[in-house]
C-alpha atoms as a PDB file:
ATOM      1  CA  MET A   1       0.003   0.212  -0.043  1.00  0.00           C
ATOM      2  CA  ILE A   2       1.389   3.547  -0.849  1.00  0.00           C
ATOM      3  CA  HIS A   3       1.315   6.322   1.729  1.00  0.00           C
ATOM      4  CA  PRO A   4      -2.203   7.873   1.977  1.00  0.00           C
ATOM      5  CA  ASP A   5      -1.035  11.304   1.583  1.00  0.00           C
ATOM      6  CA  THR A   6      -0.277  10.794  -2.194  1.00  0.00           C
ATOM      7  CA  GLU A   7      -2.239  10.854  -5.707  1.00  0.00           C
ATOM      8  CA  VAL A   8      -1.451  10.224  -8.962  1.00  0.00           C
ATOM      9  CA  ARG A   9      -0.895  12.687 -11.434  1.00  0.00           C
ATOM     10  CA  PHE A  10       0.024  13.252 -15.087  1.00  0.00           C
ATOM     11  CA  ILE A  11       3.717  14.305 -15.105  1.00  0.00           C
ATOM     12  CA  SER A  12       4.528  14.651 -18.919  1.00  0.00           C
ATOM     13  CA  ASP A  13       4.086  13.501 -22.454  1.00  0.00           C
ATOM     14  CA  GLU A  14       7.599  11.541 -21.976  1.00  0.00           C
ATOM     15  CA  ILE A  15       7.053  10.220 -18.405  1.00  0.00           C
ATOM     16  CA  GLY A  16       3.061   9.749 -18.301  1.00  0.00           C
ATOM     17  CA  TYR A  17       1.641   9.222 -14.849  1.00  0.00           C
ATOM     18  CA  GLY A  18       3.509   9.142 -11.674  1.00  0.00           C
ATOM     19  CA  VAL A  19       2.652   9.403  -7.816  1.00  0.00           C
ATOM     20  CA  VAL A  20       2.656  12.879  -5.916  1.00  0.00           C
ATOM     21  CA  ALA A  21       2.907  13.757  -2.563  1.00  0.00           C
ATOM     22  CA  LYS A  22       0.078  16.073  -1.512  1.00  0.00           C
ATOM     23  CA  LYS A  23       1.667  16.968   1.968  1.00  0.00           C
ATOM     24  CA  MET A  24       5.061  17.122   2.904  1.00  0.00           C
ATOM     25  CA  ILE A  25       6.480  13.353   3.886  1.00  0.00           C
ATOM     26  CA  PRO A  26       9.450  13.495   5.975  1.00  0.00           C
ATOM     27  CA  LYS A  27      12.478  11.692   5.813  1.00  0.00           C
ATOM     28  CA  GLY A  28      12.097   8.266   7.442  1.00  0.00           C
ATOM     29  CA  THR A  29       8.688   7.882   6.811  1.00  0.00           C
ATOM     30  CA  ILE A  30       7.340   4.706   5.483  1.00  0.00           C
ATOM     31  CA  THR A  31       6.030   5.444   1.978  1.00  0.00           C
ATOM     32  CA  TRP A  32       5.077   1.654   0.844  1.00  0.00           C
ATOM     33  CA  VAL A  33       4.377  -1.443   2.235  1.00  0.00           C
ATOM     34  CA  LEU A  34       3.886  -4.688   0.458  1.00  0.00           C
ATOM     35  CA  ASP A  35       0.002  -5.993   1.788  1.00  0.00           C
ATOM     36  CA  GLU A  36      -2.350  -8.742   1.597  1.00  0.00           C
ATOM     37  CA  LEU A  37      -3.837  -7.367  -1.693  1.00  0.00           C
ATOM     38  CA  ASP A  38      -0.573  -7.200  -3.524  1.00  0.00           C
ATOM     39  CA  ARG A  39      -0.436 -10.168  -5.914  1.00  0.00           C
ATOM     40  CA  GLU A  40       2.525 -12.374  -6.468  1.00  0.00           C
ATOM     41  CA  PHE A  41       3.010 -14.411  -9.697  1.00  0.00           C
ATOM     42  CA  THR A  42       5.723 -17.047 -10.329  1.00  0.00           C
ATOM     43  CA  PRO A  43       7.398 -16.780 -13.483  1.00  0.00           C
ATOM     44  CA  GLN A  44       5.451 -20.076 -14.957  1.00  0.00           C
ATOM     45  CA  GLU A  45       2.113 -18.389 -14.013  1.00  0.00           C
ATOM     46  CA  VAL A  46       3.064 -15.361 -15.980  1.00  0.00           C
ATOM     47  CA  GLU A  47       4.144 -17.255 -18.942  1.00  0.00           C
ATOM     48  CA  ALA A  48       0.801 -18.993 -18.525  1.00  0.00           C
ATOM     49  CA  LEU A  49      -1.188 -15.401 -18.849  1.00  0.00           C
ATOM     50  CA  SER A  50      -2.523 -13.805 -22.258  1.00  0.00           C
ATOM     51  CA  ASP A  51      -0.230 -11.470 -23.709  1.00  0.00           C
ATOM     52  CA  PRO A  52      -2.234  -8.423 -22.596  1.00  0.00           C
ATOM     53  CA  ILE A  53      -1.883  -9.412 -19.170  1.00  0.00           C
ATOM     54  CA  LYS A  54       1.452 -10.142 -19.599  1.00  0.00           C
ATOM     55  CA  ASN A  55       2.292  -6.683 -20.322  1.00  0.00           C
ATOM     56  CA  THR A  56       0.925  -5.129 -17.450  1.00  0.00           C
ATOM     57  CA  ILE A  57       2.566  -7.653 -15.172  1.00  0.00           C
ATOM     58  CA  ASP A  58       5.876  -6.201 -17.579  1.00  0.00           C
ATOM     59  CA  VAL A  59       4.813  -2.534 -16.957  1.00  0.00           C
ATOM     60  CA  TYR A  60       3.858  -2.647 -13.309  1.00  0.00           C
ATOM     61  CA  ALA A  61       5.275  -5.100 -11.220  1.00  0.00           C
ATOM     62  CA  TYR A  62       8.577  -5.643  -9.920  1.00  0.00           C
ATOM     63  CA  ARG A  63      10.754  -9.394  -8.802  1.00  0.00           C
ATOM     64  CA  ASN A  64      11.373 -10.438  -5.352  1.00  0.00           C
ATOM     65  CA  SER A  65      14.409 -12.237  -4.287  1.00  0.00           C
ATOM     66  CA  ALA A  66      12.786 -15.588  -5.106  1.00  0.00           C
ATOM     67  CA  GLY A  67      12.246 -14.185  -8.942  1.00  0.00           C
ATOM     68  CA  ASN A  68       8.579 -13.863  -8.476  1.00  0.00           C
ATOM     69  CA  PHE A  69       6.588 -10.757  -9.715  1.00  0.00           C
ATOM     70  CA  ILE A  70       4.872  -8.722  -7.146  1.00  0.00           C
ATOM     71  CA  LEU A  71       1.785  -6.593  -8.817  1.00  0.00           C
ATOM     72  CA  CYS A  72       0.729  -3.814  -6.425  1.00  0.00           C
ATOM     73  CA  TRP A  73      -3.115  -3.219  -6.268  1.00  0.00           C
ATOM     74  CA  ASP A  74      -2.978   0.385  -5.781  1.00  0.00           C
ATOM     75  CA  ASN A  75      -1.532   3.379  -6.976  1.00  0.00           C
ATOM     76  CA  GLY A  76       1.845   2.137  -6.023  1.00  0.00           C
ATOM     77  CA  ARG A  77       2.498   0.743  -9.179  1.00  0.00           C
ATOM     78  CA  PHE A  78       2.821   4.350 -10.657  1.00  0.00           C
ATOM     79  CA  VAL A  79       5.906   5.064  -8.735  1.00  0.00           C
ATOM     80  CA  ASN A  80       8.305   6.263 -11.225  1.00  0.00           C
ATOM     81  CA  HIS A  81      11.803   5.490 -11.881  1.00  0.00           C
ATOM     82  CA  SER A  82      14.977   7.863 -10.861  1.00  0.00           C
ATOM     83  CA  PHE A  83      18.728   7.934 -10.530  1.00  0.00           C
ATOM     84  CA  ASN A  84      18.644   9.940  -7.323  1.00  0.00           C
ATOM     85  CA  SER A  85      15.306   8.425  -5.783  1.00  0.00           C
ATOM     86  CA  ASN A  86      13.431   9.718  -2.933  1.00  0.00           C
ATOM     87  CA  CYS A  87      12.342   6.400  -1.574  1.00  0.00           C
ATOM     88  CA  ILE A  88      14.161   3.039  -1.494  1.00  0.00           C
ATOM     89  CA  SER A  89      13.113  -0.554  -0.749  1.00  0.00           C
ATOM     90  CA  THR A  90      14.370  -2.407   2.285  1.00  0.00           C
ATOM     91  CA  ALA A  91      15.107  -6.064   3.058  1.00  0.00           C
ATOM     92  CA  TYR A  92      11.659  -6.101   5.383  1.00  0.00           C
ATOM     93  CA  ASP A  93       8.796  -5.373   2.539  1.00  0.00           C
ATOM     94  CA  PHE A  94       8.395  -2.083   2.937  1.00  0.00           C
ATOM     95  CA  GLU A  95      10.153   1.466   1.528  1.00  0.00           C
ATOM     96  CA  ILE A  96      10.921   4.419   3.170  1.00  0.00           C
ATOM     97  CA  ALA A  97      11.643   8.055   2.526  1.00  0.00           C
ATOM     98  CA  VAL A  98      15.394   9.081   2.517  1.00  0.00           C
ATOM     99  CA  ARG A  99      14.981  12.548   2.164  1.00  0.00           C
ATOM    100  CA  ASP A 100      11.927  14.970   2.824  1.00  0.00           C
ATOM    101  CA  ILE A 101       9.327  15.056  -0.291  1.00  0.00           C
ATOM    102  CA  GLU A 102       7.973  18.455  -0.862  1.00  0.00           C
ATOM    103  CA  PRO A 103       4.093  18.695  -1.797  1.00  0.00           C
ATOM    104  CA  GLY A 104       4.043  18.327  -5.737  1.00  0.00           C
ATOM    105  CA  GLU A 105       6.984  16.193  -5.662  1.00  0.00           C
ATOM    106  CA  GLN A 106       6.950  12.721  -7.039  1.00  0.00           C
ATOM    107  CA  LEU A 107       7.932   9.423  -5.072  1.00  0.00           C
ATOM    108  CA  THR A 108      10.646   8.005  -7.176  1.00  0.00           C
ATOM    109  CA  ASP A 109      12.520   4.375  -6.807  1.00  0.00           C
ATOM    110  CA  ASP A 110      15.466   3.563  -8.389  1.00  0.00           C
ATOM    111  CA  TYR A 111      14.329   0.577 -10.661  1.00  0.00           C
ATOM    112  CA  GLY A 112      17.608  -0.974 -10.501  1.00  0.00           C
ATOM    113  CA  TYR A 113      17.096  -2.408  -7.276  1.00  0.00           C
ATOM    114  CA  LEU A 114      13.538  -3.973  -8.498  1.00  0.00           C
ATOM    115  CA  ASN A 115      14.872  -6.748 -10.112  1.00  0.00           C
ATOM    116  CA  ILE A 116      14.448  -5.738 -13.480  1.00  0.00           C
ATOM    117  CA  SER A 117      14.272  -8.469 -16.372  1.00  0.00           C
ATOM    118  CA  GLU A 118      15.717  -6.619 -19.113  1.00  0.00           C
ATOM    119  CA  PRO A 119      17.968  -2.946 -19.143  1.00  0.00           C
ATOM    120  CA  PHE A 120      16.544   0.222 -20.269  1.00  0.00           C
ATOM    121  CA  ARG A 121      17.777   3.511 -20.713  1.00  0.00           C
ATOM    122  CA  ALA A 122      16.089   5.991 -18.228  1.00  0.00           C
ATOM    123  CA  HIS A 123      14.951   9.324 -18.757  1.00  0.00           C
ATOM    124  CA  ALA A 124      17.509  11.661 -18.625  1.00  0.00           C
ATOM    125  CA  GLU A 125      18.436  13.351 -15.453  1.00  0.00           C
ATOM    126  CA  GLY A 126      22.016  14.739 -15.812  1.00  0.00           C
ATOM    127  CA  THR A 127      23.354  11.696 -13.486  1.00  0.00           C
ATOM    128  CA  ARG A 128      26.487   9.704 -14.300  1.00  0.00           C
ATOM    129  CA  ARG A 129      23.887   6.658 -14.723  1.00  0.00           C
ATOM    130  CA  LYS A 130      21.925   6.876 -17.771  1.00  0.00           C
ATOM    131  CA  THR A 131      20.640   2.652 -18.300  1.00  0.00           C
ATOM    132  CA  VAL A 132      19.206   0.596 -15.535  1.00  0.00           C
ATOM    133  CA  TYR A 133      20.740  -3.050 -15.288  1.00  0.00           C
ATOM    134  CA  PRO A 134      19.128  -6.287 -14.183  1.00  0.00           C
ATOM    135  CA  ASN A 135      22.534  -6.290 -11.735  1.00  0.00           C
ATOM    136  CA  ASP A 136      22.384  -2.897 -10.747  1.00  0.00           C
ATOM    137  CA  LEU A 137      21.655  -3.934  -6.983  1.00  0.00           C
ATOM    138  CA  VAL A 138      24.950  -6.011  -6.584  1.00  0.00           C
ATOM    139  CA  LYS A 139      26.758  -2.427  -7.934  1.00  0.00           C
ATOM    140  CA  TYR A 140      25.292  -0.070  -5.943  1.00  0.00           C
ATOM    141  CA  HIS A 141      24.049  -1.723  -2.549  1.00  0.00           C
ATOM    142  CA  HIS A 142      26.470  -0.026  -0.766  1.00  0.00           C
ATOM    143  CA  ALA A 143      25.511   3.296  -1.868  1.00  0.00           C
ATOM    144  CA  TRP A 144      21.780   2.717  -0.976  1.00  0.00           C
ATOM    145  CA  ASP A 145      22.514   0.916   2.280  1.00  0.00           C
ATOM    146  CA  LYS A 146      24.041   4.132   3.777  1.00  0.00           C
ATOM    147  CA  LYS A 147      20.820   6.314   2.592  1.00  0.00           C
ATOM    148  CA  LEU A 148      18.624   3.853   4.215  1.00  0.00           C
ATOM    149  CA  GLU A 149      20.610   3.588   7.167  1.00  0.00           C
ATOM    150  CA  ALA A 150      20.748   7.474   7.896  1.00  0.00           C
ATOM    151  CA  SER A 151      17.006   7.302   7.256  1.00  0.00           C
ATOM    152  CA  PHE A 152      16.289   4.628   9.837  1.00  0.00           C
ATOM    153  CA  LYS A 153      17.133   6.464  12.742  1.00  0.00           C
ATOM    154  CA  TYR A 154      14.108   8.892  12.135  1.00  0.00           C
ATOM    155  CA  ILE A 155      11.847   6.050  11.541  1.00  0.00           C
ATOM    156  CA  LEU A 156      10.131   6.141  15.338  1.00  0.00           C
ATOM    157  CA  LYS A 157      10.277  10.009  15.219  1.00  0.00           C
ATOM    158  CA  ARG A 158       7.629  10.122  12.274  1.00  0.00           C
ATOM    159  CA  GLU A 159       4.346   9.684  12.104  1.00  0.00           C
ATOM    160  CA  GLN A 160       3.801   6.617  10.251  1.00  0.00           C
ATOM    161  CA  PRO A 161       0.134   6.127   8.417  1.00  0.00           C
ATOM    162  CA  LEU A 162       1.257   2.955   7.349  1.00  0.00           C
ATOM    163  CA  GLY A 163       2.788   1.704  10.594  1.00  0.00           C
ATOM    164  CA  LYS A 164      -0.441  -0.637  11.019  1.00  0.00           C
ATOM    165  CA  LEU A 165       0.264  -2.854   8.278  1.00  0.00           C
ATOM    166  CA  LEU A 166       3.992  -4.058   9.688  1.00  0.00           C
ATOM    167  CA  SER A 167       3.745  -7.253  11.596  1.00  0.00           C
ATOM    168  CA  ALA A 168       5.136  -7.037  15.251  1.00  0.00           C
ATOM    169  CA  SER A 169       8.428  -8.717  14.312  1.00  0.00           C
ATOM    170  CA  GLN A 170       8.755  -5.664  11.683  1.00  0.00           C
ATOM    171  CA  TRP A 171       8.436  -3.554  14.254  1.00  0.00           C
ATOM    172  CA  ASP A 172      10.572  -5.527  16.429  1.00  0.00           C
ATOM    173  CA  LYS A 173      13.544  -5.445  13.946  1.00  0.00           C
ATOM    174  CA  VAL A 174      12.475  -1.735  13.204  1.00  0.00           C
ATOM    175  CA  ARG A 175      13.262  -0.417  16.543  1.00  0.00           C
ATOM    176  CA  ALA A 176      16.015  -2.656  17.005  1.00  0.00           C
ATOM    177  CA  ILE A 177      17.810  -1.011  14.292  1.00  0.00           C
ATOM    178  CA  SER A 178      16.466   2.467  14.909  1.00  0.00           C
ATOM    179  CA  GLU A 179      17.629   2.533  18.371  1.00  0.00           C
ATOM    180  CA  GLY A 180      21.275   0.804  17.281  1.00  0.00           C
ATOM    181  CA  ARG A 181      20.714  -2.487  19.044  1.00  0.00           C
ATOM    182  CA  GLU A 182      20.965  -4.384  15.473  1.00  0.00           C
ATOM    183  CA  LYS A 183      22.694  -3.856  12.121  1.00  0.00           C
ATOM    184  CA  MET A 184      20.075  -3.176   9.433  1.00  0.00           C
ATOM    185  CA  ASP A 185      20.108  -6.013   6.460  1.00  0.00           C
ATOM    186  CA  SER A 186      21.712  -4.890   3.219  1.00  0.00           C
ATOM    187  CA  ILE A 187      19.181  -4.175   0.433  1.00  0.00           C
ATOM    188  CA  LEU A 188      21.311  -6.684  -1.657  1.00  0.00           C
ATOM    189  CA  ASN A 189      19.371  -9.149   0.314  1.00  0.00           C
ATOM    190  CA  ILE A 190      16.264  -8.468  -1.714  1.00  0.00           C
ATOM    191  CA  TYR A 191      18.429  -9.372  -5.314  1.00  0.00           C
ATOM    192  CA  TYR A 192      16.958 -12.009  -7.380  1.00  0.00           C
ATOM    193  CA  ASP A 193      20.063 -14.077  -8.208  1.00  0.00           C
ATOM    194  CA  GLU A 194      19.210 -16.134 -10.863  1.00  0.00           C
ATOM    195  CA  GLU A 195      21.702 -18.898 -10.544  1.00  0.00           C
ATOM    196  CA  LYS A 196      21.493 -19.005  -6.785  1.00  0.00           C
ATOM    197  CA  VAL A 197      17.639 -19.638  -6.856  1.00  0.00           C
ATOM    198  CA  LYS A 198      18.225 -22.338  -9.563  1.00  0.00           C
ATOM    199  CA  ARG A 199      20.825 -24.278  -7.414  1.00  0.00           C
ATOM    200  CA  GLY A 200      18.564 -24.088  -4.199  1.00  0.00           C
ATOM    201  CA  TYR A 201      15.809 -25.628  -6.334  1.00  0.00           C
ATOM    202  CA  SER A 202      18.396 -28.713  -7.959  1.00  0.00           C
ATOM    203  CA  SER A 203      18.987 -28.938  -4.215  1.00  0.00           C
ATOM    204  CA  LEU A 204      15.820 -29.569  -2.968  1.00  0.00           C
ATOM    205  CA  ARG A 205      15.199 -31.917  -5.658  1.00  0.00           C
ATOM    206  CA  LYS A 206      18.203 -34.026  -4.826  1.00  0.00           C
ATOM    207  CA  THR A 207      17.067 -34.450  -1.126  1.00  0.00           C
ATOM    208  CA  GLY A 208      13.719 -35.059  -2.525  1.00  0.00           C
ATOM    209  CA  ASP A 209      11.975 -31.984  -0.426  1.00  0.00           C
END
């Protein structure tokens, strides 16, 4: 579920629609949480879908560390890419704002941590990076981790409209990290390593599990 103080607006002919903040969303605010209505598809399930539905999955879904496709049920699917995104995914099935998001500003993700299947050249932003690649998580997770670690300490200090969607165990983890009692798990944990997953499936078959 996307943060309630947002709405979908038309951005431009080149970009299309995006998710825009209606109010200030401070750094450390949880901006999206994976919830029960978000739907997960295995690659085999996607392959069995009709072409128009496959295209919807291709455009709007991201992949998790198991290689499955997650399709957001609400406006979260309209969040656009930025090489300097103001939201970043965590290893805990939610995203947080890594800087203050002003009213009227788009909420953005770096699609480099969404396990895209094919590289694409993104909208020009004047950044060194021009193209998003499937293995960007491997290359840039250290930089994203630093931004997340700097933002985690604010989570307990912010109003969290989406906080009720986090489980008790998720909140225990958030508190421990925010208070410095535990180290934050790297965003690299959400990377889909296709070869590793295949090896895991092979091992299960050999053991008969």
